[in-house]
């Protein structure tokens, strides 16, 4: 009887260890923040506020700008143009083929 209890106990411990190992091996890695040209994350909200402050549709401009900034980690200087400063910004398009970033 004691021998059977020991086997059941060992089997239970083995199952617990195995389930823990599987959980650890299938855990999703944490997403990494994009790296800026200088190696630091920029303040997208502040940069996009400057970029869109004279836009006729501020909220629309700000929403598109923050999306582009989070993906590219770059916002061109000024209120419009200068997209060549951020190649990622200049090349991003909508599903309809239009430029996404203001």
C-alpha atoms as a PDB file:
ATOM      1  CA  UNK A   1       0.000   0.000   0.000  1.00  0.00           C
ATOM      2  CA  UNK A   2       2.813   2.375   0.887  1.00  0.00           C
ATOM      3  CA  UNK A   3       4.543   1.625  -2.412  1.00  0.00           C
ATOM      4  CA  UNK A   4       1.379   2.550  -4.351  1.00  0.00           C
ATOM      5  CA  UNK A   5       1.025   5.839  -2.427  1.00  0.00           C
ATOM      6  CA  UNK A   6       4.638   6.737  -3.215  1.00  0.00           C
ATOM      7  CA  UNK A   7       4.060   6.097  -6.926  1.00  0.00           C
ATOM      8  CA  UNK A   8       0.920   8.240  -6.960  1.00  0.00           C
ATOM      9  CA  UNK A   9       2.734  11.021  -5.130  1.00  0.00           C
ATOM     10  CA  UNK A  10       5.669  10.892  -7.569  1.00  0.00           C
ATOM     11  CA  UNK A  11       3.278  10.900 -10.537  1.00  0.00           C
ATOM     12  CA  UNK A  12       1.450  13.946  -9.137  1.00  0.00           C
ATOM     13  CA  UNK A  13       4.723  15.817  -8.590  1.00  0.00           C
ATOM     14  CA  UNK A  14       5.888  14.897 -12.095  1.00  0.00           C
ATOM     15  CA  UNK A  15       2.618  16.205 -13.596  1.00  0.00           C
ATOM     16  CA  UNK A  16       2.919  19.483 -11.685  1.00  0.00           C
ATOM     17  CA  UNK A  17       6.514  20.005 -12.808  1.00  0.00           C
ATOM     18  CA  UNK A  18       5.624  19.140 -16.404  1.00  0.00           C
ATOM     19  CA  UNK A  19       2.652  21.531 -16.461  1.00  0.00           C
ATOM     20  CA  UNK A  20       4.824  24.320 -15.037  1.00  0.00           C
ATOM     21  CA  UNK A  21       7.529  23.728 -17.666  1.00  0.00           C
ATOM     22  CA  UNK A  22       4.938  23.810 -20.456  1.00  0.00           C
ATOM     23  CA  UNK A  23       3.462  27.034 -19.111  1.00  0.00           C
ATOM     24  CA  UNK A  24       6.883  28.682 -18.985  1.00  0.00           C
ATOM     25  CA  UNK A  25       7.887  27.508 -22.454  1.00  0.00           C
ATOM     26  CA  UNK A  26       4.664  28.757 -24.078  1.00  0.00           C
ATOM     27  CA  UNK A  27       4.549  32.113 -22.291  1.00  0.00           C
ATOM     28  CA  UNK A  28       4.346  35.046 -24.688  1.00  0.00           C
ATOM     29  CA  UNK A  29       7.319  37.411 -24.627  1.00  0.00           C
ATOM     30  CA  UNK A  30       6.708  41.020 -23.627  1.00  0.00           C
ATOM     31  CA  UNK A  31       6.470  43.357 -26.633  1.00  0.00           C
ATOM     32  CA  UNK A  32       9.509  45.568 -26.971  1.00  0.00           C
ATOM     33  CA  UNK A  33       9.202  49.305 -27.431  1.00  0.00           C
ATOM     34  CA  UNK A  34      10.406  50.582 -30.790  1.00  0.00           C
ATOM     35  CA  UNK A  35      13.864  52.105 -30.770  1.00  0.00           C
ATOM     36  CA  UNK A  36      14.290  55.699 -31.911  1.00  0.00           C
ATOM     37  CA  UNK A  37      17.217  56.917 -33.967  1.00  0.00           C
ATOM     38  CA  UNK A  38      18.953  57.972 -30.738  1.00  0.00           C
ATOM     39  CA  UNK A  39      17.856  54.820 -28.906  1.00  0.00           C
ATOM     40  CA  UNK A  40      15.039  56.374 -26.809  1.00  0.00           C
ATOM     41  CA  UNK A  41      11.253  56.391 -27.167  1.00  0.00           C
ATOM     42  CA  UNK A  42       9.905  59.829 -28.163  1.00  0.00           C
ATOM     43  CA  UNK A  43       6.860  61.588 -26.671  1.00  0.00           C
ATOM     44  CA  UNK A  44       4.360  61.000 -29.481  1.00  0.00           C
ATOM     45  CA  UNK A  45       1.536  63.022 -27.927  1.00  0.00           C
ATOM     46  CA  UNK A  46       3.643  66.166 -27.565  1.00  0.00           C
ATOM     47  CA  UNK A  47       5.158  65.847 -31.041  1.00  0.00           C
ATOM     48  CA  UNK A  48       1.773  65.188 -32.663  1.00  0.00           C
ATOM     49  CA  UNK A  49       0.209  68.090 -30.785  1.00  0.00           C
ATOM     50  CA  UNK A  50       2.821  70.375 -32.375  1.00  0.00           C
ATOM     51  CA  UNK A  51       2.363  68.743 -35.784  1.00  0.00           C
ATOM     52  CA  UNK A  52      -1.444  69.020 -35.810  1.00  0.00           C
ATOM     53  CA  UNK A  53      -2.048  72.289 -33.941  1.00  0.00           C
ATOM     54  CA  UNK A  54      -3.013  74.219 -37.111  1.00  0.00           C
ATOM     55  CA  UNK A  55      -4.872  71.368 -38.860  1.00  0.00           C
ATOM     56  CA  UNK A  56      -8.507  72.042 -39.730  1.00  0.00           C
ATOM     57  CA  UNK A  57      -9.411  68.580 -38.389  1.00  0.00           C
ATOM     58  CA  UNK A  58      -7.200  68.390 -35.306  1.00  0.00           C
ATOM     59  CA  UNK A  59      -8.577  65.150 -33.829  1.00  0.00           C
ATOM     60  CA  UNK A  60      -8.283  63.254 -37.088  1.00  0.00           C
ATOM     61  CA  UNK A  61      -4.747  64.547 -37.644  1.00  0.00           C
ATOM     62  CA  UNK A  62      -3.758  63.764 -34.045  1.00  0.00           C
ATOM     63  CA  UNK A  63      -5.128  60.206 -34.197  1.00  0.00           C
ATOM     64  CA  UNK A  64      -3.312  59.427 -37.450  1.00  0.00           C
ATOM     65  CA  UNK A  65      -0.150  61.140 -36.237  1.00  0.00           C
ATOM     66  CA  UNK A  66       0.014  59.197 -32.970  1.00  0.00           C
ATOM     67  CA  UNK A  67      -0.538  55.905 -34.823  1.00  0.00           C
ATOM     68  CA  UNK A  68       2.292  56.712 -37.224  1.00  0.00           C
ATOM     69  CA  UNK A  69       4.535  57.941 -34.407  1.00  0.00           C
ATOM     70  CA  UNK A  70       4.036  54.764 -32.364  1.00  0.00           C
ATOM     71  CA  UNK A  71       4.930  52.624 -35.371  1.00  0.00           C
ATOM     72  CA  UNK A  72       7.848  54.730 -36.652  1.00  0.00           C
ATOM     73  CA  UNK A  73       9.004  56.428 -33.426  1.00  0.00           C
ATOM     74  CA  UNK A  74       9.516  59.563 -35.474  1.00  0.00           C
ATOM     75  CA  UNK A  75       7.497  62.701 -36.281  1.00  0.00           C
ATOM     76  CA  UNK A  76       8.732  65.101 -38.972  1.00  0.00           C
ATOM     77  CA  UNK A  77       9.349  68.702 -37.839  1.00  0.00           C
ATOM     78  CA  UNK A  78       6.840  71.428 -38.627  1.00  0.00           C
ATOM     79  CA  UNK A  79       3.093  71.349 -39.157  1.00  0.00           C
ATOM     80  CA  UNK A  80       3.236  69.669 -42.577  1.00  0.00           C
ATOM     81  CA  UNK A  81       5.691  68.292 -45.111  1.00  0.00           C
ATOM     82  CA  UNK A  82       9.253  67.259 -44.217  1.00  0.00           C
ATOM     83  CA  UNK A  83       8.236  63.578 -44.459  1.00  0.00           C
ATOM     84  CA  UNK A  84      11.643  62.729 -45.950  1.00  0.00           C
ATOM     85  CA  UNK A  85      13.101  63.129 -42.427  1.00  0.00           C
ATOM     86  CA  UNK A  86      11.198  59.968 -41.376  1.00  0.00           C
ATOM     87  CA  UNK A  87      11.219  57.374 -44.198  1.00  0.00           C
ATOM     88  CA  UNK A  88       8.833  55.085 -42.308  1.00  0.00           C
ATOM     89  CA  UNK A  89       6.418  58.015 -41.967  1.00  0.00           C
ATOM     90  CA  UNK A  90       6.643  58.876 -45.661  1.00  0.00           C
ATOM     91  CA  UNK A  91       6.057  55.290 -46.846  1.00  0.00           C
ATOM     92  CA  UNK A  92       3.107  54.340 -44.625  1.00  0.00           C
ATOM     93  CA  UNK A  93      -0.193  54.103 -46.531  1.00  0.00           C
ATOM     94  CA  UNK A  94      -3.822  53.257 -45.786  1.00  0.00           C
ATOM     95  CA  UNK A  95      -5.526  50.159 -47.169  1.00  0.00           C
ATOM     96  CA  UNK A  96      -6.777  52.415 -49.993  1.00  0.00           C
ATOM     97  CA  UNK A  97      -3.224  53.366 -50.977  1.00  0.00           C
ATOM     98  CA  UNK A  98      -3.333  56.943 -49.658  1.00  0.00           C
ATOM     99  CA  UNK A  99      -0.714  58.419 -47.334  1.00  0.00           C
ATOM    100  CA  UNK A 100      -1.588  57.592 -43.750  1.00  0.00           C
ATOM    101  CA  UNK A 101       0.605  60.019 -41.858  1.00  0.00           C
ATOM    102  CA  UNK A 102      -0.213  63.756 -41.798  1.00  0.00           C
END
